[in-house]
């Protein structure tokens, strides 16, 4: 997506997860602007990174972003276009999917 002149970094967070929470790293990066008291998201990159689960794609197990001109989902090295309703819907889907991955991994006994 093209960068807007009024675009600023709205959120940039990284959370290191403890092993009991699945391990790895959650990363959120969101760009946009506020206009008429409404936040407009122009770019985003949400990622769950865990090299113990996925060695490809720089350890990105799951991710959603809109780089390269389209909205897409990364999962274990594969990329697919996704329907974009809103950033809030994408963020919710990301949250649900990474929790599902972690819960599945917890269920596995070594």
Protein backbone atom coordinates (compact mmCIF):
# COMPACT_ATOMS: atom_id res chain seq x y z
CA UNK A 1 0.00 0.00 0.00
CA UNK A 2 1.23 3.50 -0.79
CA UNK A 3 2.44 5.56 2.12
CA UNK A 4 0.24 8.57 2.91
CA UNK A 5 1.90 11.88 3.83
CA UNK A 6 -0.11 12.00 7.07
CA UNK A 7 0.63 8.39 7.97
CA UNK A 8 2.33 7.71 11.32
CA UNK A 9 3.22 4.67 13.36
CA UNK A 10 0.13 3.94 15.48
CA UNK A 11 1.29 0.78 17.24
CA UNK A 12 4.51 -1.18 17.47
CA UNK A 13 4.65 -3.91 20.07
CA UNK A 14 6.58 -7.13 20.58
CA UNK A 15 5.71 -9.71 23.19
CA UNK A 16 8.07 -12.54 24.07
CA UNK A 17 5.93 -15.51 25.04
CA UNK A 18 6.94 -17.87 27.81
CA UNK A 19 7.13 -21.57 26.96
CA UNK A 20 3.89 -22.31 28.83
CA UNK A 21 2.19 -19.75 26.56
CA UNK A 22 3.55 -21.43 23.43
CA UNK A 23 6.90 -19.70 23.25
CA UNK A 24 8.02 -17.45 20.43
CA UNK A 25 7.21 -13.84 19.73
CA UNK A 26 4.10 -11.83 18.87
CA UNK A 27 4.74 -8.71 16.80
CA UNK A 28 2.28 -5.94 15.94
CA UNK A 29 3.10 -3.01 13.65
CA UNK A 30 0.30 -0.69 12.52
CA UNK A 31 0.54 2.52 10.47
CA UNK A 32 -2.17 5.04 9.70
CA UNK A 33 -3.67 8.34 10.76
CA UNK A 34 -6.58 9.82 12.69
CA UNK A 35 -9.11 11.89 10.80
CA UNK A 36 -12.31 13.32 12.28
CA UNK A 37 -11.77 11.22 15.43
CA UNK A 38 -11.58 8.03 13.35
CA UNK A 39 -8.45 5.90 13.05
CA UNK A 40 -7.61 4.91 9.49
CA UNK A 41 -5.16 1.99 9.22
CA UNK A 42 -3.07 2.16 6.05
CA UNK A 43 -0.49 -0.56 6.70
CA UNK A 44 -0.20 -3.42 9.16
CA UNK A 45 2.00 -6.41 9.91
CA UNK A 46 0.92 -8.93 12.56
CA UNK A 47 3.12 -11.95 13.17
CA UNK A 48 3.54 -14.96 15.44
CA UNK A 49 7.16 -16.06 15.17
CA UNK A 50 8.40 -19.31 16.66
CA UNK A 51 11.45 -21.04 15.17
CA UNK A 52 10.65 -24.21 17.16
CA UNK A 53 7.45 -24.60 15.09
CA UNK A 54 8.46 -23.16 11.70
CA UNK A 55 11.99 -22.78 10.36
CA UNK A 56 10.93 -21.22 7.03
CA UNK A 57 9.70 -17.66 6.43
CA UNK A 58 12.07 -16.36 9.15
CA UNK A 59 10.22 -18.41 11.77
CA UNK A 60 6.86 -16.82 10.99
CA UNK A 61 4.26 -19.41 11.93
CA UNK A 62 1.34 -17.07 11.28
CA UNK A 63 1.09 -13.54 9.96
CA UNK A 64 -1.25 -11.06 8.34
CA UNK A 65 -0.15 -7.97 6.43
CA UNK A 66 -0.98 -5.78 3.48
CA UNK A 67 2.47 -5.37 1.97
CA UNK A 68 2.97 -5.79 -1.78
CA UNK A 69 -0.39 -4.16 -2.56
CA UNK A 70 -2.77 -6.79 -1.19
CA UNK A 71 -4.04 -8.25 2.08
CA UNK A 72 -2.64 -11.69 2.77
CA UNK A 73 -2.03 -14.38 5.36
CA UNK A 74 1.22 -16.25 6.01
CA UNK A 75 0.98 -19.71 7.51
CA UNK A 76 3.98 -22.01 7.90
CA UNK A 77 5.70 -20.66 4.77
CA UNK A 78 2.60 -20.44 2.58
CA UNK A 79 0.97 -17.16 1.54
CA UNK A 80 -2.64 -16.67 0.49
CA UNK A 81 -4.78 -13.62 -0.23
CA UNK A 82 -7.45 -12.85 2.37
CA UNK A 83 -10.72 -10.97 2.19
CA UNK A 84 -10.34 -7.60 3.92
CA UNK A 85 -13.31 -6.29 5.88
CA UNK A 86 -11.44 -4.12 8.38
CA UNK A 87 -8.20 -4.00 10.31
CA UNK A 88 -10.14 -4.86 13.49
CA UNK A 89 -11.47 -8.04 11.85
CA UNK A 90 -7.96 -9.04 10.69
CA UNK A 91 -6.52 -8.39 14.18
CA UNK A 92 -9.28 -10.52 15.74
CA UNK A 93 -8.67 -13.35 13.26
CA UNK A 94 -4.93 -13.22 13.96
CA UNK A 95 -5.56 -13.40 17.71
CA UNK A 96 -7.91 -16.39 17.37
CA UNK A 97 -5.62 -18.29 15.00
CA UNK A 98 -2.41 -17.92 16.99
CA UNK A 99 -4.21 -19.00 20.16
CA UNK A 100 -5.52 -22.06 18.30
CA UNK A 101 -1.98 -22.91 17.13
CA UNK A 102 -0.60 -22.58 20.67
CA UNK A 103 -3.41 -24.69 22.13
CA UNK A 104 -2.79 -27.40 19.51
CA UNK A 105 0.94 -27.39 20.30
CA UNK A 106 0.24 -27.66 24.06
CA UNK A 107 -1.90 -30.72 23.41
CA UNK A 108 1.03 -32.51 21.83
CA UNK A 109 3.17 -34.53 24.19
CA UNK A 110 6.88 -34.90 23.30
